[in-house]
Amino acid sequence: MLNLRSRREIDAMRKAGELVWQAHAALAESVRPGVTTAELNDIVEDIFRRAGAEAVFKTVAGPVPFPAATCISVNEQIVHGVPGDRPLHEGDIVSVDTACRLDGWCGDAAVTHPVGAISREHQRLLEVTAAAFRRALELIPQCRWWSQVASEMERLVKAAGCSVVRDLVGHGVGRELHEPPQVPNFAIARGSASDFELLPGLVLAIEPMVNAGGEAVRRQADGWTQVTADGRYSAHFEHTVAIGPGRQPRLLTGPPENSPHDGLWPVGRGTGPPPGAA
């Protein structure tokens, strides 16, 4: 069953989403060679604690308890990377995914950052992944079914010579971090069990995960971190999006609505802007 949220509920979710944006803005300023993934996680932990928000990743069921407020995934790591003492290096790409629960409502977003100067191939990977997300935003008002959107997301990715991760999908968001429906980023059959109608009041975590190489995935021994089977790099961009009247999308984890920031993701110093950020 799909949870359709009222305008009041979506406004409440927006408060959680703005806090997630603040966390990502602080992270963007901190991503640089030499910083460890644990240090990045500490920044988010502090922001959520000072705001009285719950670091909701710590509540997600898994093979072992997830220990952090963020999933931080470097290079060939796709998602669910566990922060630790690994330092970032020039030329890395680092995906940071975080979520919080504030006053009973959740927000969830992810950004992949370049660390200093990166290769042309990996910059292109970031651009393609971000473009797949932007394509979804463009298509939602034009489409009745999610399958129509997802097919075009995968078409864009494949045309660029990359592959969409098929083992991992987006999800609904509400009082819980993971709610129905599942939100594939790849082509699915119209009217299949994986498809759903784009109804006003739906709130979705749309999160394309794109590999530079093949789509195959394997899980590391920590029980959480998902990596590409071929060792090539992967990127991940995500926002929590509410569908309003006329299927107009509202970015709940974007910048404050009175902010001069006109991009989808925060811009860091010295790393170059994430695609679509400016």
C-alpha atoms as a PDB file:
ATOM      1  CA  MET A   1       0.000   0.000   0.000  1.00  0.00           C
ATOM      2  CA  LEU A   2       1.308   3.450  -0.954  1.00  0.00           C
ATOM      3  CA  ASN A   3       1.387   6.165   1.702  1.00  0.00           C
ATOM      4  CA  LEU A   4       0.004   9.402   0.266  1.00  0.00           C
ATOM      5  CA  ARG A   5       1.019  12.377   2.394  1.00  0.00           C
ATOM      6  CA  SER A   6      -0.918  15.592   2.960  1.00  0.00           C
ATOM      7  CA  ARG A   7       0.562  19.028   2.317  1.00  0.00           C
ATOM      8  CA  ARG A   8       0.970  19.465   6.086  1.00  0.00           C
ATOM      9  CA  GLU A   9       2.858  16.192   6.373  1.00  0.00           C
ATOM     10  CA  ILE A  10       5.079  17.036   3.424  1.00  0.00           C
ATOM     11  CA  ASP A  11       5.852  20.429   4.958  1.00  0.00           C
ATOM     12  CA  ALA A  12       6.916  18.594   8.127  1.00  0.00           C
ATOM     13  CA  MET A  13       9.124  16.294   6.068  1.00  0.00           C
ATOM     14  CA  ARG A  14      10.695  19.346   4.476  1.00  0.00           C
ATOM     15  CA  LYS A  15      12.143  20.322   7.872  1.00  0.00           C
ATOM     16  CA  ALA A  16      13.976  17.006   8.049  1.00  0.00           C
ATOM     17  CA  GLY A  17      15.040  17.462   4.438  1.00  0.00           C
ATOM     18  CA  GLU A  18      16.520  20.896   5.100  1.00  0.00           C
ATOM     19  CA  LEU A  19      18.596  19.434   7.925  1.00  0.00           C
ATOM     20  CA  VAL A  20      19.890  16.742   5.563  1.00  0.00           C
ATOM     21  CA  TRP A  21      20.803  19.527   3.114  1.00  0.00           C
ATOM     22  CA  GLN A  22      22.700  21.338   5.880  1.00  0.00           C
ATOM     23  CA  ALA A  23      24.646  18.168   6.597  1.00  0.00           C
ATOM     24  CA  HIS A  24      25.550  17.755   2.933  1.00  0.00           C
ATOM     25  CA  ALA A  25      26.564  21.410   2.652  1.00  0.00           C
ATOM     26  CA  ALA A  26      28.964  20.961   5.588  1.00  0.00           C
ATOM     27  CA  LEU A  27      30.325  17.775   4.056  1.00  0.00           C
ATOM     28  CA  ALA A  28      30.925  19.456   0.709  1.00  0.00           C
ATOM     29  CA  GLU A  29      33.183  21.973   2.453  1.00  0.00           C
ATOM     30  CA  SER A  30      35.101  19.175   4.169  1.00  0.00           C
ATOM     31  CA  VAL A  31      35.790  16.678   1.362  1.00  0.00           C
ATOM     32  CA  ARG A  32      39.506  16.968   0.544  1.00  0.00           C
ATOM     33  CA  PRO A  33      42.572  14.742   0.306  1.00  0.00           C
ATOM     34  CA  GLY A  34      43.669  13.493   3.716  1.00  0.00           C
ATOM     35  CA  VAL A  35      40.318  13.617   5.513  1.00  0.00           C
ATOM     36  CA  THR A  36      39.095  10.246   6.737  1.00  0.00           C
ATOM     37  CA  THR A  37      35.624   8.872   6.200  1.00  0.00           C
ATOM     38  CA  ALA A  38      35.138   8.742   9.993  1.00  0.00           C
ATOM     39  CA  GLU A  39      35.912  12.473  10.219  1.00  0.00           C
ATOM     40  CA  LEU A  40      33.262  13.185   7.599  1.00  0.00           C
ATOM     41  CA  ASN A  41      30.755  11.078   9.524  1.00  0.00           C
ATOM     42  CA  ASP A  42      31.546  12.984  12.735  1.00  0.00           C
ATOM     43  CA  ILE A  43      30.474  16.235  11.054  1.00  0.00           C
ATOM     44  CA  VAL A  44      27.035  14.807  10.311  1.00  0.00           C
ATOM     45  CA  GLU A  45      26.673  13.172  13.714  1.00  0.00           C
ATOM     46  CA  ASP A  46      27.273  16.581  15.332  1.00  0.00           C
ATOM     47  CA  ILE A  47      24.786  18.415  13.088  1.00  0.00           C
ATOM     48  CA  PHE A  48      22.027  15.906  13.769  1.00  0.00           C
ATOM     49  CA  ARG A  49      22.749  15.812  17.511  1.00  0.00           C
ATOM     50  CA  ARG A  50      22.641  19.613  17.852  1.00  0.00           C
ATOM     51  CA  ALA A  51      19.319  19.717  15.966  1.00  0.00           C
ATOM     52  CA  GLY A  52      17.750  16.995  18.112  1.00  0.00           C
ATOM     53  CA  ALA A  53      17.413  14.701  15.082  1.00  0.00           C
ATOM     54  CA  GLU A  54      17.854  10.944  14.977  1.00  0.00           C
ATOM     55  CA  ALA A  55      20.623   9.520  12.805  1.00  0.00           C
ATOM     56  CA  VAL A  56      18.199   7.099  11.221  1.00  0.00           C
ATOM     57  CA  PHE A  57      20.766   4.887   9.446  1.00  0.00           C
ATOM     58  CA  LYS A  58      21.614   3.500  12.886  1.00  0.00           C
ATOM     59  CA  THR A  59      18.097   2.046  13.062  1.00  0.00           C
ATOM     60  CA  VAL A  60      18.223   0.157   9.742  1.00  0.00           C
ATOM     61  CA  ALA A  61      18.090  -3.615  10.116  1.00  0.00           C
ATOM     62  CA  GLY A  62      20.961  -5.516   8.575  1.00  0.00           C
ATOM     63  CA  PRO A  63      23.392  -8.378   9.084  1.00  0.00           C
ATOM     64  CA  VAL A  64      25.043  -6.308  11.852  1.00  0.00           C
ATOM     65  CA  PRO A  65      23.956  -2.934  13.305  1.00  0.00           C
ATOM     66  CA  PHE A  66      25.020  -0.031  11.101  1.00  0.00           C
ATOM     67  CA  PRO A  67      27.337   2.074  13.276  1.00  0.00           C
ATOM     68  CA  ALA A  68      27.169   5.536  11.734  1.00  0.00           C
ATOM     69  CA  ALA A  69      25.023   8.472  10.613  1.00  0.00           C
ATOM     70  CA  THR A  70      26.371   8.232   7.082  1.00  0.00           C
ATOM     71  CA  CYS A  71      27.168   5.647   4.453  1.00  0.00           C
ATOM     72  CA  ILE A  72      30.455   6.731   2.850  1.00  0.00           C
ATOM     73  CA  SER A  73      31.505   4.790  -0.244  1.00  0.00           C
ATOM     74  CA  VAL A  74      34.796   5.399  -2.066  1.00  0.00           C
ATOM     75  CA  ASN A  75      35.614   4.623  -5.707  1.00  0.00           C
ATOM     76  CA  GLU A  76      34.440   1.054  -6.496  1.00  0.00           C
ATOM     77  CA  GLN A  77      32.207   1.060  -3.413  1.00  0.00           C
ATOM     78  CA  ILE A  78      28.633   1.702  -4.578  1.00  0.00           C
ATOM     79  CA  VAL A  79      26.670   2.275  -1.373  1.00  0.00           C
ATOM     80  CA  HIS A  80      26.518   1.378   2.342  1.00  0.00           C
ATOM     81  CA  GLY A  81      30.204   1.997   2.997  1.00  0.00           C
ATOM     82  CA  VAL A  82      31.019   2.022   6.720  1.00  0.00           C
ATOM     83  CA  PRO A  83      32.984   5.117   7.834  1.00  0.00           C
ATOM     84  CA  GLY A  84      36.409   4.416   9.333  1.00  0.00           C
ATOM     85  CA  ASP A  85      40.050   5.454   9.260  1.00  0.00           C
ATOM     86  CA  ARG A  86      40.385   5.369   5.468  1.00  0.00           C
ATOM     87  CA  PRO A  87      41.777   8.708   4.213  1.00  0.00           C
ATOM     88  CA  LEU A  88      40.637  10.187   0.910  1.00  0.00           C
ATOM     89  CA  HIS A  89      43.210  10.701  -1.832  1.00  0.00           C
ATOM     90  CA  GLU A  90      43.463  13.044  -4.798  1.00  0.00           C
ATOM     91  CA  GLY A  91      41.567  11.449  -7.686  1.00  0.00           C
ATOM     92  CA  ASP A  92      39.096   9.513  -5.540  1.00  0.00           C
ATOM     93  CA  ILE A  93      35.357   9.916  -5.791  1.00  0.00           C
ATOM     94  CA  VAL A  94      33.375   9.611  -2.567  1.00  0.00           C
ATOM     95  CA  SER A  95      29.635   9.020  -2.240  1.00  0.00           C
ATOM     96  CA  VAL A  96      28.093  10.284   0.994  1.00  0.00           C
ATOM     97  CA  ASP A  97      24.557   9.173   1.832  1.00  0.00           C
ATOM     98  CA  THR A  98      22.811  10.350   4.986  1.00  0.00           C
ATOM     99  CA  ALA A  99      19.343  10.567   6.477  1.00  0.00           C
ATOM    100  CA  CYS A 100      17.699  11.809   9.649  1.00  0.00           C
ATOM    101  CA  ARG A 101      14.380  11.655  11.451  1.00  0.00           C
ATOM    102  CA  LEU A 102      13.199  15.005  12.811  1.00  0.00           C
ATOM    103  CA  ASP A 103       9.894  15.380  14.674  1.00  0.00           C
ATOM    104  CA  GLY A 104       8.883  11.950  13.449  1.00  0.00           C
ATOM    105  CA  TRP A 105       9.626  12.441   9.719  1.00  0.00           C
ATOM    106  CA  CYS A 106      12.560  11.315   7.588  1.00  0.00           C
ATOM    107  CA  GLY A 107      14.703  12.878   4.864  1.00  0.00           C
ATOM    108  CA  ASP A 108      17.344  11.049   2.803  1.00  0.00           C
ATOM    109  CA  ALA A 109      19.885  12.285   0.228  1.00  0.00           C
ATOM    110  CA  ALA A 110      23.243  11.330  -1.289  1.00  0.00           C
ATOM    111  CA  VAL A 111      25.978  13.118  -3.228  1.00  0.00           C
ATOM    112  CA  THR A 112      29.107  11.813  -4.950  1.00  0.00           C
ATOM    113  CA  HIS A 113      32.026  14.243  -4.690  1.00  0.00           C
ATOM    114  CA  PRO A 114      35.260  14.406  -6.637  1.00  0.00           C
ATOM    115  CA  VAL A 115      38.293  14.561  -4.356  1.00  0.00           C
ATOM    116  CA  GLY A 116      40.560  17.151  -5.922  1.00  0.00           C
ATOM    117  CA  ALA A 117      41.247  16.610  -9.604  1.00  0.00           C
ATOM    118  CA  ILE A 118      39.719  13.421 -10.996  1.00  0.00           C
ATOM    119  CA  SER A 119      40.019  11.666 -14.338  1.00  0.00           C
ATOM    120  CA  ARG A 120      37.852  12.596 -17.273  1.00  0.00           C
ATOM    121  CA  GLU A 121      36.257   9.135 -17.136  1.00  0.00           C
ATOM    122  CA  HIS A 122      35.211   9.562 -13.529  1.00  0.00           C
ATOM    123  CA  GLN A 123      33.999  13.115 -14.020  1.00  0.00           C
ATOM    124  CA  ARG A 124      31.850  11.778 -16.832  1.00  0.00           C
ATOM    125  CA  LEU A 125      30.504   9.077 -14.492  1.00  0.00           C
ATOM    126  CA  LEU A 126      29.404  11.749 -12.011  1.00  0.00           C
ATOM    127  CA  GLU A 127      27.792  13.777 -14.785  1.00  0.00           C
ATOM    128  CA  VAL A 128      25.858  10.791 -16.153  1.00  0.00           C
ATOM    129  CA  THR A 129      24.573   9.749 -12.724  1.00  0.00           C
ATOM    130  CA  ALA A 130      23.456  13.273 -11.854  1.00  0.00           C
ATOM    131  CA  ALA A 131      21.836  13.603 -15.280  1.00  0.00           C
ATOM    132  CA  ALA A 132      19.822  10.426 -14.650  1.00  0.00           C
ATOM    133  CA  PHE A 133      18.413  11.994 -11.495  1.00  0.00           C
ATOM    134  CA  ARG A 134      17.637  15.270 -13.265  1.00  0.00           C
ATOM    135  CA  ARG A 135      15.932  13.319 -16.051  1.00  0.00           C
ATOM    136  CA  ALA A 136      13.611  11.745 -13.489  1.00  0.00           C
ATOM    137  CA  LEU A 137      12.624  15.185 -12.177  1.00  0.00           C
ATOM    138  CA  GLU A 138      11.924  16.378 -15.713  1.00  0.00           C
ATOM    139  CA  LEU A 139       9.781  13.360 -16.591  1.00  0.00           C
ATOM    140  CA  ILE A 140       7.635  12.985 -13.467  1.00  0.00           C
ATOM    141  CA  PRO A 141       5.177  15.745 -14.524  1.00  0.00           C
ATOM    142  CA  GLN A 142       4.900  14.175 -17.990  1.00  0.00           C
ATOM    143  CA  CYS A 143       4.396  10.539 -16.977  1.00  0.00           C
ATOM    144  CA  ARG A 144       1.638   8.633 -15.230  1.00  0.00           C
ATOM    145  CA  TRP A 145       3.690   5.561 -14.271  1.00  0.00           C
ATOM    146  CA  TRP A 146       7.115   5.221 -12.660  1.00  0.00           C
ATOM    147  CA  SER A 147       8.065   2.604 -15.290  1.00  0.00           C
ATOM    148  CA  GLN A 148       8.020   5.374 -17.903  1.00  0.00           C
ATOM    149  CA  VAL A 149      10.489   7.431 -15.881  1.00  0.00           C
ATOM    150  CA  ALA A 150      12.767   4.548 -14.932  1.00  0.00           C
ATOM    151  CA  SER A 151      13.075   3.346 -18.524  1.00  0.00           C
ATOM    152  CA  GLU A 152      14.324   6.750 -19.634  1.00  0.00           C
ATOM    153  CA  MET A 153      16.778   6.935 -16.736  1.00  0.00           C
ATOM    154  CA  GLU A 154      18.350   3.651 -17.824  1.00  0.00           C
ATOM    155  CA  ARG A 155      18.284   4.689 -21.478  1.00  0.00           C
ATOM    156  CA  LEU A 156      20.311   7.813 -20.653  1.00  0.00           C
ATOM    157  CA  VAL A 157      22.857   5.832 -18.627  1.00  0.00           C
ATOM    158  CA  LYS A 158      23.328   3.121 -21.242  1.00  0.00           C
ATOM    159  CA  ALA A 159      23.730   5.689 -24.032  1.00  0.00           C
ATOM    160  CA  ALA A 160      26.706   7.050 -22.090  1.00  0.00           C
ATOM    161  CA  GLY A 161      28.345   3.617 -21.935  1.00  0.00           C
ATOM    162  CA  CYS A 162      27.646   3.089 -18.220  1.00  0.00           C
ATOM    163  CA  SER A 163      25.382   0.641 -16.388  1.00  0.00           C
ATOM    164  CA  VAL A 164      22.642   1.016 -13.794  1.00  0.00           C
ATOM    165  CA  VAL A 165      22.921  -1.040 -10.615  1.00  0.00           C
ATOM    166  CA  ARG A 166      19.931  -3.389 -10.631  1.00  0.00           C
ATOM    167  CA  ASP A 167      20.422  -5.069  -7.251  1.00  0.00           C
ATOM    168  CA  LEU A 168      19.686  -1.833  -5.358  1.00  0.00           C
ATOM    169  CA  VAL A 169      16.753   0.565  -5.701  1.00  0.00           C
ATOM    170  CA  GLY A 170      15.212   3.688  -4.202  1.00  0.00           C
ATOM    171  CA  HIS A 171      12.219   3.658  -1.870  1.00  0.00           C
ATOM    172  CA  GLY A 172       9.343   5.553  -0.381  1.00  0.00           C
ATOM    173  CA  VAL A 173      10.087   7.857   2.573  1.00  0.00           C
ATOM    174  CA  GLY A 174       7.851   8.977   5.433  1.00  0.00           C
ATOM    175  CA  ARG A 175       7.820   8.278   9.138  1.00  0.00           C
ATOM    176  CA  GLU A 176      10.148   5.392   8.308  1.00  0.00           C
ATOM    177  CA  LEU A 177      13.233   5.676   6.150  1.00  0.00           C
ATOM    178  CA  HIS A 178      12.198   2.774   3.931  1.00  0.00           C
ATOM    179  CA  GLU A 179       8.528   2.626   2.968  1.00  0.00           C
ATOM    180  CA  PRO A 180       6.675   1.328  -0.091  1.00  0.00           C
ATOM    181  CA  PRO A 181       7.114   1.539  -2.988  1.00  0.00           C
ATOM    182  CA  GLN A 182      10.476   0.297  -4.154  1.00  0.00           C
ATOM    183  CA  VAL A 183      11.774   2.741  -6.768  1.00  0.00           C
ATOM    184  CA  PRO A 184      13.886   1.073  -9.500  1.00  0.00           C
ATOM    185  CA  ASN A 185      16.305   3.192 -11.536  1.00  0.00           C
ATOM    186  CA  PHE A 186      16.090   0.845 -14.529  1.00  0.00           C
ATOM    187  CA  ALA A 187      13.514  -0.304 -17.051  1.00  0.00           C
ATOM    188  CA  ILE A 188      10.606  -2.324 -15.666  1.00  0.00           C
ATOM    189  CA  ALA A 189       7.461  -3.595 -17.357  1.00  0.00           C
ATOM    190  CA  ARG A 190       4.477  -1.247 -17.390  1.00  0.00           C
ATOM    191  CA  GLY A 191       1.904  -2.487 -14.900  1.00  0.00           C
ATOM    192  CA  SER A 192       4.271  -5.029 -13.323  1.00  0.00           C
ATOM    193  CA  ALA A 193       4.469  -5.605  -9.580  1.00  0.00           C
ATOM    194  CA  SER A 194       7.415  -3.180  -9.477  1.00  0.00           C
ATOM    195  CA  ASP A 195       5.490  -0.380 -11.189  1.00  0.00           C
ATOM    196  CA  PHE A 196       3.338   2.260  -9.485  1.00  0.00           C
ATOM    197  CA  GLU A 197       1.271   5.275 -10.409  1.00  0.00           C
ATOM    198  CA  LEU A 198       2.763   8.728  -9.785  1.00  0.00           C
ATOM    199  CA  LEU A 199       0.082  10.039  -7.462  1.00  0.00           C
ATOM    200  CA  PRO A 200       0.080  13.377  -5.620  1.00  0.00           C
ATOM    201  CA  GLY A 201       1.249  12.824  -2.059  1.00  0.00           C
ATOM    202  CA  LEU A 202       3.849  10.173  -2.870  1.00  0.00           C
ATOM    203  CA  VAL A 203       7.265  10.850  -1.346  1.00  0.00           C
ATOM    204  CA  LEU A 204      10.136   8.992  -2.996  1.00  0.00           C
ATOM    205  CA  ALA A 205      13.872   8.621  -2.502  1.00  0.00           C
ATOM    206  CA  ILE A 206      15.040   8.690  -6.116  1.00  0.00           C
ATOM    207  CA  GLU A 207      18.641   7.498  -6.195  1.00  0.00           C
ATOM    208  CA  PRO A 208      20.354   6.355  -9.380  1.00  0.00           C
ATOM    209  CA  MET A 209      23.458   4.249  -8.713  1.00  0.00           C
ATOM    210  CA  VAL A 210      25.587   4.027 -11.839  1.00  0.00           C
ATOM    211  CA  ASN A 211      28.709   1.998 -12.565  1.00  0.00           C
ATOM    212  CA  ALA A 212      31.434   2.922 -15.023  1.00  0.00           C
ATOM    213  CA  GLY A 213      31.669  -0.772 -15.909  1.00  0.00           C
ATOM    214  CA  GLY A 214      29.282  -3.682 -15.523  1.00  0.00           C
ATOM    215  CA  GLU A 215      26.202  -3.772 -13.329  1.00  0.00           C
ATOM    216  CA  ALA A 216      27.261  -6.743 -11.173  1.00  0.00           C
ATOM    217  CA  VAL A 217      27.576  -6.115  -7.434  1.00  0.00           C
ATOM    218  CA  ARG A 218      29.104  -7.974  -4.499  1.00  0.00           C
ATOM    219  CA  ARG A 219      28.965  -7.348  -0.754  1.00  0.00           C
ATOM    220  CA  GLN A 220      32.106  -6.986   1.317  1.00  0.00           C
ATOM    221  CA  ALA A 221      32.869  -8.904   4.494  1.00  0.00           C
ATOM    222  CA  ASP A 222      31.618  -6.101   6.778  1.00  0.00           C
ATOM    223  CA  GLY A 223      28.088  -7.146   5.818  1.00  0.00           C
ATOM    224  CA  TRP A 224      27.171  -3.714   4.456  1.00  0.00           C
ATOM    225  CA  THR A 225      29.478  -2.275   1.796  1.00  0.00           C
ATOM    226  CA  GLN A 226      28.377  -2.986  -1.776  1.00  0.00           C
ATOM    227  CA  VAL A 227      31.108  -2.839  -4.437  1.00  0.00           C
ATOM    228  CA  THR A 228      31.320  -3.284  -8.188  1.00  0.00           C
ATOM    229  CA  ALA A 229      32.270  -6.830  -9.132  1.00  0.00           C
ATOM    230  CA  ASP A 230      34.746  -5.578 -11.759  1.00  0.00           C
ATOM    231  CA  GLY A 231      36.411  -2.989  -9.505  1.00  0.00           C
ATOM    232  CA  ARG A 232      35.442   0.000 -11.639  1.00  0.00           C
ATOM    233  CA  TYR A 233      34.092   3.158 -10.022  1.00  0.00           C
ATOM    234  CA  SER A 234      30.464   3.865  -9.117  1.00  0.00           C
ATOM    235  CA  ALA A 235      28.494   7.056  -8.387  1.00  0.00           C
ATOM    236  CA  HIS A 236      25.297   7.760  -6.439  1.00  0.00           C
ATOM    237  CA  PHE A 237      23.036  10.823  -6.335  1.00  0.00           C
ATOM    238  CA  GLU A 238      19.796  10.967  -4.349  1.00  0.00           C
ATOM    239  CA  HIS A 239      17.104  13.330  -3.120  1.00  0.00           C
ATOM    240  CA  THR A 240      13.819  12.875  -1.297  1.00  0.00           C
ATOM    241  CA  VAL A 241      11.124  14.096  -3.695  1.00  0.00           C
ATOM    242  CA  ALA A 242       7.434  14.748  -3.009  1.00  0.00           C
ATOM    243  CA  ILE A 243       4.927  14.586  -5.868  1.00  0.00           C
ATOM    244  CA  GLY A 244       2.436  17.433  -5.762  1.00  0.00           C
ATOM    245  CA  PRO A 245      -0.630  18.462  -7.767  1.00  0.00           C
ATOM    246  CA  GLY A 246      -0.115  18.030 -11.493  1.00  0.00           C
ATOM    247  CA  ARG A 247       2.684  15.588 -10.626  1.00  0.00           C
ATOM    248  CA  GLN A 248       5.007  18.523  -9.955  1.00  0.00           C
ATOM    249  CA  PRO A 249       8.066  17.318  -7.993  1.00  0.00           C
ATOM    250  CA  ARG A 250       9.158  19.103  -4.815  1.00  0.00           C
ATOM    251  CA  LEU A 251      12.733  18.589  -3.652  1.00  0.00           C
ATOM    252  CA  LEU A 252      12.461  18.001   0.100  1.00  0.00           C
ATOM    253  CA  THR A 253      16.209  17.588   0.681  1.00  0.00           C
ATOM    254  CA  GLY A 254      17.235  20.575  -1.455  1.00  0.00           C
ATOM    255  CA  PRO A 255      18.399  24.004  -0.267  1.00  0.00           C
ATOM    256  CA  PRO A 256      16.107  26.246   1.805  1.00  0.00           C
ATOM    257  CA  GLU A 257      13.459  27.739  -0.429  1.00  0.00           C
ATOM    258  CA  ASN A 258      14.658  31.306   0.287  1.00  0.00           C
ATOM    259  CA  SER A 259      18.272  30.358  -0.471  1.00  0.00           C
ATOM    260  CA  PRO A 260      20.173  31.859  -3.423  1.00  0.00           C
ATOM    261  CA  HIS A 261      21.587  28.386  -4.121  1.00  0.00           C
ATOM    262  CA  ASP A 262      20.188  27.327  -7.481  1.00  0.00           C
ATOM    263  CA  GLY A 263      21.610  23.831  -7.822  1.00  0.00           C
ATOM    264  CA  LEU A 264      20.625  20.324  -6.813  1.00  0.00           C
ATOM    265  CA  TRP A 265      23.684  19.649  -4.639  1.00  0.00           C
ATOM    266  CA  PRO A 266      26.018  21.683  -2.427  1.00  0.00           C
ATOM    267  CA  VAL A 267      29.287  22.901  -3.944  1.00  0.00           C
ATOM    268  CA  GLY A 268      32.515  22.204  -2.065  1.00  0.00           C
ATOM    269  CA  ARG A 269      35.690  24.243  -1.970  1.00  0.00           C
ATOM    270  CA  GLY A 270      38.603  22.926  -3.992  1.00  0.00           C
ATOM    271  CA  THR A 271      36.847  19.801  -5.253  1.00  0.00           C
ATOM    272  CA  GLY A 272      34.904  21.179  -8.186  1.00  0.00           C
ATOM    273  CA  PRO A 273      31.104  21.286  -8.109  1.00  0.00           C
ATOM    274  CA  PRO A 274      29.136  18.070  -8.246  1.00  0.00           C
ATOM    275  CA  PRO A 275      27.311  17.891 -11.587  1.00  0.00           C
ATOM    276  CA  GLY A 276      24.191  20.005 -11.623  1.00  0.00           C
ATOM    277  CA  ALA A 277      25.211  21.920  -8.507  1.00  0.00           C
ATOM    278  CA  ALA A 278      25.653  25.279 -10.175  1.00  0.00           C
END
